[in-house]
Amino acid sequence: MKEDLLITPVQCELVWENPQANLERLTKLLNTITGRTAVIVLPELFTTGFSMRAADLAEPMEGPGMQWMRNQAAGRQAVVCGSLMIAEQDRYYNRLIWMEPSGSYRWYDKRHLFRMGSEDQYYTAGRQRLTVTWQQWRLRLAICYDLRFPVWNRNDDDYDVLIFVANWPQRRIAAWNALLAARAIENQCFVVGVNRVGYDGNEVYHNGSSCVIDPEGTIVWQCTDREEMPTIPLSAQRLQQVRQMLPFLQDRDRFELMP
């Protein structure tokens, strides 16, 4: 059996539209991590907050945010993941980066853009899901509003952990809590939801409620209204136990995602 996966969700405040200040803050926060971890998960748009000023703030793929992630991953010998504003060929993406200690990386572009916040007017939607393998665990990566779309997140028996990074406001936090649990139960996987705390530049309050949920929907850890960054083991034994006891993924509906 594979070993447990150590994962560190980083629930933190973000400085509005100030990449340098956020990178400095996050460096100090990550310096407080003690002991081993395998994956460090940062919130959505962790250098800027959920801003629509992509034309002014987006960086290229080899910009300072990417370099910071590369340095942190190498220095901590752990994966660092979180989303950034990325500019590429006159388009802008809310791009989730999976940065490994070796400096190699993969990315996922947010598929479902939050039209109520005009995200679809400034960013280009992604078309491909991303599943990565780390320490024998298979992890699917997604961003905030993607949480509301179960077909996009459906487990075709090809992942063990579903990670959501977010800037999800407190006024809709009941949906966040309910949907994260639903995604864990229906996909028989661990779900890791990492949200920010504090007010953004539009005076929208975020209370976090970041959490780790097991494959039966049981909350392993959750934190509200403060910064916190624990290291939590995802139990390989628990995952195997649930899937063997209730092997309902074998009865899942088959479908194809259309372009």
C-alpha atoms as a PDB file:
ATOM      1  CA  MET A   1       0.000   0.000   0.000  1.00  0.00           C
ATOM      2  CA  LYS A   2       1.186   3.519  -0.738  1.00  0.00           C
ATOM      3  CA  GLU A   3       2.121   5.818   2.130  1.00  0.00           C
ATOM      4  CA  ASP A   4      -0.104   8.592   3.472  1.00  0.00           C
ATOM      5  CA  LEU A   5       0.180  11.889   1.599  1.00  0.00           C
ATOM      6  CA  LEU A   6       1.176  14.918   3.685  1.00  0.00           C
ATOM      7  CA  ILE A   7      -0.613  18.023   2.454  1.00  0.00           C
ATOM      8  CA  THR A   8      -0.410  21.626   3.746  1.00  0.00           C
ATOM      9  CA  PRO A   9      -3.362  23.895   2.874  1.00  0.00           C
ATOM     10  CA  VAL A  10      -2.453  27.575   3.273  1.00  0.00           C
ATOM     11  CA  GLN A  11      -5.460  29.642   4.356  1.00  0.00           C
ATOM     12  CA  CYS A  12      -4.263  33.236   4.381  1.00  0.00           C
ATOM     13  CA  GLU A  13      -5.112  36.860   3.741  1.00  0.00           C
ATOM     14  CA  LEU A  14      -4.087  38.377   0.401  1.00  0.00           C
ATOM     15  CA  VAL A  15      -2.928  41.929  -0.289  1.00  0.00           C
ATOM     16  CA  TRP A  16      -5.147  43.338  -3.028  1.00  0.00           C
ATOM     17  CA  GLU A  17      -3.428  43.610  -6.416  1.00  0.00           C
ATOM     18  CA  ASN A  18       0.070  43.661  -4.903  1.00  0.00           C
ATOM     19  CA  PRO A  19       2.103  40.657  -6.106  1.00  0.00           C
ATOM     20  CA  GLN A  20       5.342  41.640  -4.376  1.00  0.00           C
ATOM     21  CA  ALA A  21       3.667  42.127  -1.006  1.00  0.00           C
ATOM     22  CA  ASN A  22       1.881  38.782  -1.307  1.00  0.00           C
ATOM     23  CA  LEU A  23       5.060  36.910  -2.202  1.00  0.00           C
ATOM     24  CA  GLU A  24       6.833  38.448   0.770  1.00  0.00           C
ATOM     25  CA  ARG A  25       3.935  37.558   3.116  1.00  0.00           C
ATOM     26  CA  LEU A  26       3.715  34.028   1.812  1.00  0.00           C
ATOM     27  CA  THR A  27       7.454  33.509   2.177  1.00  0.00           C
ATOM     28  CA  LYS A  28       7.173  34.384   5.866  1.00  0.00           C
ATOM     29  CA  LEU A  29       4.160  32.108   6.280  1.00  0.00           C
ATOM     30  CA  LEU A  30       5.809  29.148   4.581  1.00  0.00           C
ATOM     31  CA  ASN A  31       8.899  29.667   6.729  1.00  0.00           C
ATOM     32  CA  THR A  32       6.779  28.644   9.720  1.00  0.00           C
ATOM     33  CA  ILE A  33       6.152  25.158   8.314  1.00  0.00           C
ATOM     34  CA  THR A  34       7.880  22.616  10.511  1.00  0.00           C
ATOM     35  CA  GLY A  35       8.427  19.006   9.621  1.00  0.00           C
ATOM     36  CA  ARG A  36       7.868  17.277   6.308  1.00  0.00           C
ATOM     37  CA  THR A  37       5.139  17.903   3.795  1.00  0.00           C
ATOM     38  CA  ALA A  38       4.570  16.681   0.250  1.00  0.00           C
ATOM     39  CA  VAL A  39       2.178  19.266  -1.219  1.00  0.00           C
ATOM     40  CA  ILE A  40       1.639  22.914  -0.261  1.00  0.00           C
ATOM     41  CA  VAL A  41      -1.622  24.388  -1.585  1.00  0.00           C
ATOM     42  CA  LEU A  42      -2.122  28.160  -1.934  1.00  0.00           C
ATOM     43  CA  PRO A  43      -5.408  30.003  -2.663  1.00  0.00           C
ATOM     44  CA  GLU A  44      -6.680  31.095  -6.079  1.00  0.00           C
ATOM     45  CA  LEU A  45      -4.813  34.085  -7.591  1.00  0.00           C
ATOM     46  CA  PHE A  46      -2.513  34.140  -4.583  1.00  0.00           C
ATOM     47  CA  THR A  47      -0.392  37.045  -5.853  1.00  0.00           C
ATOM     48  CA  THR A  48      -3.275  39.464  -6.518  1.00  0.00           C
ATOM     49  CA  GLY A  49      -6.608  38.355  -5.114  1.00  0.00           C
ATOM     50  CA  PHE A  50      -9.611  37.866  -7.413  1.00  0.00           C
ATOM     51  CA  SER A  51      -8.936  40.929  -9.564  1.00  0.00           C
ATOM     52  CA  MET A  52     -10.087  41.582 -13.128  1.00  0.00           C
ATOM     53  CA  ARG A  53      -7.067  43.804 -13.884  1.00  0.00           C
ATOM     54  CA  ALA A  54      -5.366  41.030 -15.800  1.00  0.00           C
ATOM     55  CA  ALA A  55      -4.070  43.418 -18.473  1.00  0.00           C
ATOM     56  CA  ASP A  56      -2.094  45.282 -15.799  1.00  0.00           C
ATOM     57  CA  LEU A  57      -1.152  42.499 -13.399  1.00  0.00           C
ATOM     58  CA  ALA A  58      -0.777  39.254 -15.364  1.00  0.00           C
ATOM     59  CA  GLU A  59       2.735  37.884 -15.718  1.00  0.00           C
ATOM     60  CA  PRO A  60       4.381  35.619 -18.302  1.00  0.00           C
ATOM     61  CA  MET A  61       5.041  31.979 -17.555  1.00  0.00           C
ATOM     62  CA  GLU A  62       8.582  32.764 -16.470  1.00  0.00           C
ATOM     63  CA  GLY A  63       7.590  35.773 -14.377  1.00  0.00           C
ATOM     64  CA  PRO A  64       8.298  36.473 -10.689  1.00  0.00           C
ATOM     65  CA  GLY A  65       5.391  34.419  -9.351  1.00  0.00           C
ATOM     66  CA  MET A  66       6.542  31.331 -11.215  1.00  0.00           C
ATOM     67  CA  GLN A  67      10.126  31.885 -10.118  1.00  0.00           C
ATOM     68  CA  TRP A  68       8.987  32.247  -6.510  1.00  0.00           C
ATOM     69  CA  MET A  69       7.083  28.960  -6.744  1.00  0.00           C
ATOM     70  CA  ARG A  70      10.118  27.252  -8.245  1.00  0.00           C
ATOM     71  CA  ASN A  71      12.359  28.517  -5.423  1.00  0.00           C
ATOM     72  CA  GLN A  72       9.883  27.543  -2.707  1.00  0.00           C
ATOM     73  CA  ALA A  73       9.359  24.052  -4.116  1.00  0.00           C
ATOM     74  CA  ALA A  74      13.084  23.438  -4.423  1.00  0.00           C
ATOM     75  CA  GLY A  75      13.895  24.856  -0.997  1.00  0.00           C
ATOM     76  CA  ARG A  76      11.180  22.875   0.763  1.00  0.00           C
ATOM     77  CA  GLN A  77      11.439  19.730  -1.361  1.00  0.00           C
ATOM     78  CA  ALA A  78       7.672  19.748  -1.749  1.00  0.00           C
ATOM     79  CA  VAL A  79       5.209  20.548  -4.492  1.00  0.00           C
ATOM     80  CA  VAL A  80       3.794  24.088  -4.379  1.00  0.00           C
ATOM     81  CA  CYS A  81       0.514  24.723  -6.170  1.00  0.00           C
ATOM     82  CA  GLY A  82      -1.833  27.681  -6.534  1.00  0.00           C
ATOM     83  CA  SER A  83      -3.225  29.869  -9.296  1.00  0.00           C
ATOM     84  CA  LEU A  84      -1.776  32.997 -10.886  1.00  0.00           C
ATOM     85  CA  MET A  85      -2.779  35.552 -13.511  1.00  0.00           C
ATOM     86  CA  ILE A  86      -0.859  34.489 -16.610  1.00  0.00           C
ATOM     87  CA  ALA A  87      -0.495  36.415 -19.883  1.00  0.00           C
ATOM     88  CA  GLU A  88       0.087  34.350 -23.001  1.00  0.00           C
ATOM     89  CA  GLN A  89      -0.303  35.357 -26.669  1.00  0.00           C
ATOM     90  CA  ASP A  90      -2.542  38.372 -25.930  1.00  0.00           C
ATOM     91  CA  ARG A  91      -4.800  36.290 -23.684  1.00  0.00           C
ATOM     92  CA  TYR A  92      -5.089  36.034 -19.921  1.00  0.00           C
ATOM     93  CA  TYR A  93      -5.604  32.883 -17.874  1.00  0.00           C
ATOM     94  CA  ASN A  94      -6.457  32.050 -14.283  1.00  0.00           C
ATOM     95  CA  ARG A  95      -3.836  29.316 -14.272  1.00  0.00           C
ATOM     96  CA  LEU A  96      -3.239  26.783 -11.514  1.00  0.00           C
ATOM     97  CA  ILE A  97       0.433  25.808 -11.397  1.00  0.00           C
ATOM     98  CA  TRP A  98       1.683  22.469 -10.059  1.00  0.00           C
ATOM     99  CA  MET A  99       5.362  23.175  -9.315  1.00  0.00           C
ATOM    100  CA  GLU A 100       7.576  20.231  -8.364  1.00  0.00           C
ATOM    101  CA  PRO A 101      10.878  20.450  -6.428  1.00  0.00           C
ATOM    102  CA  SER A 102      12.833  19.664  -9.587  1.00  0.00           C
ATOM    103  CA  GLY A 103      11.488  22.834 -11.231  1.00  0.00           C
ATOM    104  CA  SER A 104       9.298  20.912 -13.667  1.00  0.00           C
ATOM    105  CA  TYR A 105       5.662  21.972 -13.656  1.00  0.00           C
ATOM    106  CA  ARG A 106       2.253  21.407 -15.146  1.00  0.00           C
ATOM    107  CA  TRP A 107      -0.759  23.685 -15.261  1.00  0.00           C
ATOM    108  CA  TYR A 108      -4.529  23.837 -15.428  1.00  0.00           C
ATOM    109  CA  ASP A 109      -6.477  26.801 -16.836  1.00  0.00           C
ATOM    110  CA  LYS A 110      -9.761  27.500 -15.040  1.00  0.00           C
ATOM    111  CA  ARG A 111     -12.560  26.026 -17.118  1.00  0.00           C
ATOM    112  CA  HIS A 112     -15.588  27.711 -15.561  1.00  0.00           C
ATOM    113  CA  LEU A 113     -15.149  31.480 -15.418  1.00  0.00           C
ATOM    114  CA  PHE A 114     -17.321  33.314 -12.906  1.00  0.00           C
ATOM    115  CA  ARG A 115     -19.550  35.408 -15.160  1.00  0.00           C
ATOM    116  CA  MET A 116     -21.301  37.092 -12.205  1.00  0.00           C
ATOM    117  CA  GLY A 117     -17.942  38.655 -11.415  1.00  0.00           C
ATOM    118  CA  SER A 118     -17.177  39.351 -15.119  1.00  0.00           C
ATOM    119  CA  GLU A 119     -14.279  36.886 -15.081  1.00  0.00           C
ATOM    120  CA  ASP A 120     -15.369  35.605 -18.501  1.00  0.00           C
ATOM    121  CA  GLN A 121     -14.831  39.088 -19.961  1.00  0.00           C
ATOM    122  CA  TYR A 122     -11.163  39.261 -18.970  1.00  0.00           C
ATOM    123  CA  TYR A 123      -9.868  35.683 -18.945  1.00  0.00           C
ATOM    124  CA  THR A 124      -9.844  32.816 -21.416  1.00  0.00           C
ATOM    125  CA  ALA A 125     -11.372  29.528 -20.288  1.00  0.00           C
ATOM    126  CA  GLY A 126      -9.336  26.335 -20.256  1.00  0.00           C
ATOM    127  CA  ARG A 127     -10.413  23.198 -22.076  1.00  0.00           C
ATOM    128  CA  GLN A 128      -8.440  20.385 -20.460  1.00  0.00           C
ATOM    129  CA  ARG A 129      -8.677  18.780 -17.041  1.00  0.00           C
ATOM    130  CA  LEU A 130      -5.415  18.021 -15.258  1.00  0.00           C
ATOM    131  CA  THR A 131      -4.530  14.990 -13.164  1.00  0.00           C
ATOM    132  CA  VAL A 132      -1.029  14.654 -11.725  1.00  0.00           C
ATOM    133  CA  THR A 133       0.689  11.811  -9.883  1.00  0.00           C
ATOM    134  CA  TRP A 134       2.816  12.411  -6.796  1.00  0.00           C
ATOM    135  CA  GLN A 135       4.099   9.817  -4.340  1.00  0.00           C
ATOM    136  CA  GLN A 136       1.787   7.260  -5.982  1.00  0.00           C
ATOM    137  CA  TRP A 137      -1.253   9.469  -5.349  1.00  0.00           C
ATOM    138  CA  ARG A 138      -3.332  10.762  -8.267  1.00  0.00           C
ATOM    139  CA  LEU A 139      -4.524  14.343  -7.822  1.00  0.00           C
ATOM    140  CA  ARG A 140      -7.054  16.317  -9.869  1.00  0.00           C
ATOM    141  CA  LEU A 141      -6.712  20.124  -9.825  1.00  0.00           C
ATOM    142  CA  ALA A 142      -9.547  22.659 -10.113  1.00  0.00           C
ATOM    143  CA  ILE A 143     -10.330  26.294  -9.337  1.00  0.00           C
ATOM    144  CA  CYS A 144     -13.156  27.895  -7.322  1.00  0.00           C
ATOM    145  CA  TYR A 145     -16.267  28.145  -9.584  1.00  0.00           C
ATOM    146  CA  ASP A 146     -15.370  24.736 -11.092  1.00  0.00           C
ATOM    147  CA  LEU A 147     -16.698  23.312  -7.818  1.00  0.00           C
ATOM    148  CA  ARG A 148     -20.282  23.891  -8.949  1.00  0.00           C
ATOM    149  CA  PHE A 149     -19.976  21.584 -11.977  1.00  0.00           C
ATOM    150  CA  PRO A 150     -19.957  17.894 -10.987  1.00  0.00           C
ATOM    151  CA  VAL A 151     -19.580  16.560 -14.540  1.00  0.00           C
ATOM    152  CA  TRP A 152     -16.291  18.440 -14.956  1.00  0.00           C
ATOM    153  CA  ASN A 153     -15.019  16.959 -11.694  1.00  0.00           C
ATOM    154  CA  ARG A 154     -16.360  13.430 -12.155  1.00  0.00           C
ATOM    155  CA  ASN A 155     -13.959  10.721 -11.099  1.00  0.00           C
ATOM    156  CA  ASP A 156     -13.556   8.147 -13.858  1.00  0.00           C
ATOM    157  CA  ASP A 157     -11.574   6.042 -11.394  1.00  0.00           C
ATOM    158  CA  ASP A 158      -8.544   8.109 -12.348  1.00  0.00           C
ATOM    159  CA  TYR A 159      -7.816  10.188  -9.233  1.00  0.00           C
ATOM    160  CA  ASP A 160      -7.607   9.908  -5.429  1.00  0.00           C
ATOM    161  CA  VAL A 161      -7.566  13.566  -4.347  1.00  0.00           C
ATOM    162  CA  LEU A 162      -9.531  16.532  -5.696  1.00  0.00           C
ATOM    163  CA  ILE A 163      -7.996  19.946  -4.942  1.00  0.00           C
ATOM    164  CA  PHE A 164      -9.894  23.233  -5.216  1.00  0.00           C
ATOM    165  CA  VAL A 165      -8.156  26.593  -4.777  1.00  0.00           C
ATOM    166  CA  ALA A 166     -10.525  29.519  -4.299  1.00  0.00           C
ATOM    167  CA  ASN A 167     -11.478  33.079  -3.465  1.00  0.00           C
ATOM    168  CA  TRP A 168     -14.978  32.041  -2.296  1.00  0.00           C
ATOM    169  CA  PRO A 169     -16.885  34.791  -0.414  1.00  0.00           C
ATOM    170  CA  GLN A 170     -18.399  34.280   3.024  1.00  0.00           C
ATOM    171  CA  ARG A 171     -21.898  35.178   1.780  1.00  0.00           C
ATOM    172  CA  ARG A 172     -21.975  31.962  -0.297  1.00  0.00           C
ATOM    173  CA  ILE A 173     -19.961  29.764   2.058  1.00  0.00           C
ATOM    174  CA  ALA A 174     -22.873  27.365   2.698  1.00  0.00           C
ATOM    175  CA  ALA A 175     -22.634  26.286  -0.947  1.00  0.00           C
ATOM    176  CA  TRP A 176     -18.839  25.863  -0.634  1.00  0.00           C
ATOM    177  CA  ASN A 177     -19.228  23.574   2.371  1.00  0.00           C
ATOM    178  CA  ALA A 178     -22.041  21.518   0.855  1.00  0.00           C
ATOM    179  CA  LEU A 179     -20.457  21.109  -2.573  1.00  0.00           C
ATOM    180  CA  LEU A 180     -17.022  20.133  -1.265  1.00  0.00           C
ATOM    181  CA  ALA A 181     -18.615  17.353   0.785  1.00  0.00           C
ATOM    182  CA  ALA A 182     -20.706  16.262  -2.194  1.00  0.00           C
ATOM    183  CA  ARG A 183     -17.672  16.087  -4.472  1.00  0.00           C
ATOM    184  CA  ALA A 184     -15.858  13.916  -1.906  1.00  0.00           C
ATOM    185  CA  ILE A 185     -18.778  11.509  -1.485  1.00  0.00           C
ATOM    186  CA  GLU A 186     -19.750  11.134  -5.140  1.00  0.00           C
ATOM    187  CA  ASN A 187     -16.148  10.691  -6.289  1.00  0.00           C
ATOM    188  CA  GLN A 188     -14.941   8.555  -3.346  1.00  0.00           C
ATOM    189  CA  CYS A 189     -11.877  10.733  -2.930  1.00  0.00           C
ATOM    190  CA  PHE A 190     -10.244  13.105  -0.502  1.00  0.00           C
ATOM    191  CA  VAL A 191     -11.191  16.713  -1.211  1.00  0.00           C
ATOM    192  CA  VAL A 192      -8.892  19.599  -0.272  1.00  0.00           C
ATOM    193  CA  GLY A 193     -10.491  23.051  -0.509  1.00  0.00           C
ATOM    194  CA  VAL A 194      -8.202  26.046   0.069  1.00  0.00           C
ATOM    195  CA  ASN A 195      -9.845  29.455   0.378  1.00  0.00           C
ATOM    196  CA  ARG A 196      -8.545  32.871   1.387  1.00  0.00           C
ATOM    197  CA  VAL A 197      -9.591  34.986   4.379  1.00  0.00           C
ATOM    198  CA  GLY A 198     -10.117  38.732   4.737  1.00  0.00           C
ATOM    199  CA  TYR A 199     -11.589  41.521   2.616  1.00  0.00           C
ATOM    200  CA  ASP A 200     -10.657  42.004  -1.023  1.00  0.00           C
ATOM    201  CA  GLY A 201     -10.429  45.313  -2.882  1.00  0.00           C
ATOM    202  CA  ASN A 202     -14.179  45.256  -3.529  1.00  0.00           C
ATOM    203  CA  GLU A 203     -14.919  44.980   0.204  1.00  0.00           C
ATOM    204  CA  VAL A 204     -16.046  41.372  -0.216  1.00  0.00           C
ATOM    205  CA  TYR A 205     -15.321  39.323   2.900  1.00  0.00           C
ATOM    206  CA  HIS A 206     -13.864  35.813   2.758  1.00  0.00           C
ATOM    207  CA  ASN A 207     -14.007  33.655   5.879  1.00  0.00           C
ATOM    208  CA  GLY A 208     -11.946  30.752   4.579  1.00  0.00           C
ATOM    209  CA  SER A 209     -13.633  27.544   5.663  1.00  0.00           C
ATOM    210  CA  SER A 210     -10.754  25.732   3.991  1.00  0.00           C
ATOM    211  CA  CYS A 211     -11.046  22.038   4.669  1.00  0.00           C
ATOM    212  CA  VAL A 212      -9.928  18.486   4.089  1.00  0.00           C
ATOM    213  CA  ILE A 213     -12.764  15.982   3.639  1.00  0.00           C
ATOM    214  CA  ASP A 214     -12.439  12.208   3.477  1.00  0.00           C
ATOM    215  CA  PRO A 215     -14.049   9.913   0.852  1.00  0.00           C
ATOM    216  CA  GLU A 216     -17.222   9.453   2.931  1.00  0.00           C
ATOM    217  CA  GLY A 217     -17.741  13.170   3.456  1.00  0.00           C
ATOM    218  CA  THR A 218     -16.285  13.377   6.961  1.00  0.00           C
ATOM    219  CA  ILE A 219     -14.432  16.613   7.717  1.00  0.00           C
ATOM    220  CA  VAL A 220     -10.846  15.842   8.704  1.00  0.00           C
ATOM    221  CA  TRP A 221      -9.916  19.521   9.208  1.00  0.00           C
ATOM    222  CA  GLN A 222     -11.621  22.860   8.704  1.00  0.00           C
ATOM    223  CA  CYS A 223     -10.697  26.416   9.664  1.00  0.00           C
ATOM    224  CA  THR A 224     -12.762  29.627   9.578  1.00  0.00           C
ATOM    225  CA  ASP A 225     -11.985  33.347   9.969  1.00  0.00           C
ATOM    226  CA  ARG A 226      -8.245  33.142  10.570  1.00  0.00           C
ATOM    227  CA  GLU A 227      -4.980  32.267   8.877  1.00  0.00           C
ATOM    228  CA  GLU A 228      -3.903  28.677   9.358  1.00  0.00           C
ATOM    229  CA  MET A 229      -1.669  26.206   7.550  1.00  0.00           C
ATOM    230  CA  PRO A 230      -1.583  22.754   9.137  1.00  0.00           C
ATOM    231  CA  THR A 231       0.045  19.696   7.626  1.00  0.00           C
ATOM    232  CA  ILE A 232      -2.511  16.904   7.339  1.00  0.00           C
ATOM    233  CA  PRO A 233      -1.937  13.261   6.365  1.00  0.00           C
ATOM    234  CA  LEU A 234      -4.336  11.842   3.797  1.00  0.00           C
ATOM    235  CA  SER A 235      -4.797   8.217   4.795  1.00  0.00           C
ATOM    236  CA  ALA A 236      -4.135   5.679   2.068  1.00  0.00           C
ATOM    237  CA  GLN A 237      -5.745   3.023   4.260  1.00  0.00           C
ATOM    238  CA  ARG A 238      -8.927   5.080   4.616  1.00  0.00           C
ATOM    239  CA  LEU A 239      -9.154   5.643   0.863  1.00  0.00           C
ATOM    240  CA  GLN A 240      -8.747   1.922   0.148  1.00  0.00           C
ATOM    241  CA  GLN A 241     -11.192   0.972   2.907  1.00  0.00           C
ATOM    242  CA  VAL A 242     -14.001   3.196   1.567  1.00  0.00           C
ATOM    243  CA  ARG A 243     -13.528   2.114  -2.034  1.00  0.00           C
ATOM    244  CA  GLN A 244     -13.497  -1.570  -1.121  1.00  0.00           C
ATOM    245  CA  MET A 245     -16.444  -1.342   1.270  1.00  0.00           C
ATOM    246  CA  LEU A 246     -18.646   0.629  -1.158  1.00  0.00           C
ATOM    247  CA  PRO A 247     -17.236   0.151  -4.672  1.00  0.00           C
ATOM    248  CA  PHE A 248     -19.884   2.293  -6.365  1.00  0.00           C
ATOM    249  CA  LEU A 249     -17.438   3.934  -8.775  1.00  0.00           C
ATOM    250  CA  GLN A 250     -17.769   0.674 -10.705  1.00  0.00           C
ATOM    251  CA  ASP A 251     -21.410   1.619 -11.394  1.00  0.00           C
ATOM    252  CA  ARG A 252     -20.712   5.174 -12.553  1.00  0.00           C
ATOM    253  CA  ASP A 253     -22.369   6.533 -15.672  1.00  0.00           C
ATOM    254  CA  ARG A 254     -20.174   6.701 -18.758  1.00  0.00           C
ATOM    255  CA  PHE A 255     -20.043   9.926 -20.719  1.00  0.00           C
ATOM    256  CA  GLU A 256     -17.782  12.094 -22.873  1.00  0.00           C
ATOM    257  CA  LEU A 257     -17.010  15.750 -22.273  1.00  0.00           C
ATOM    258  CA  MET A 258     -17.727  17.703 -25.453  1.00  0.00           C
ATOM    259  CA  PRO A 259     -15.478  20.614 -26.539  1.00  0.00           C
END
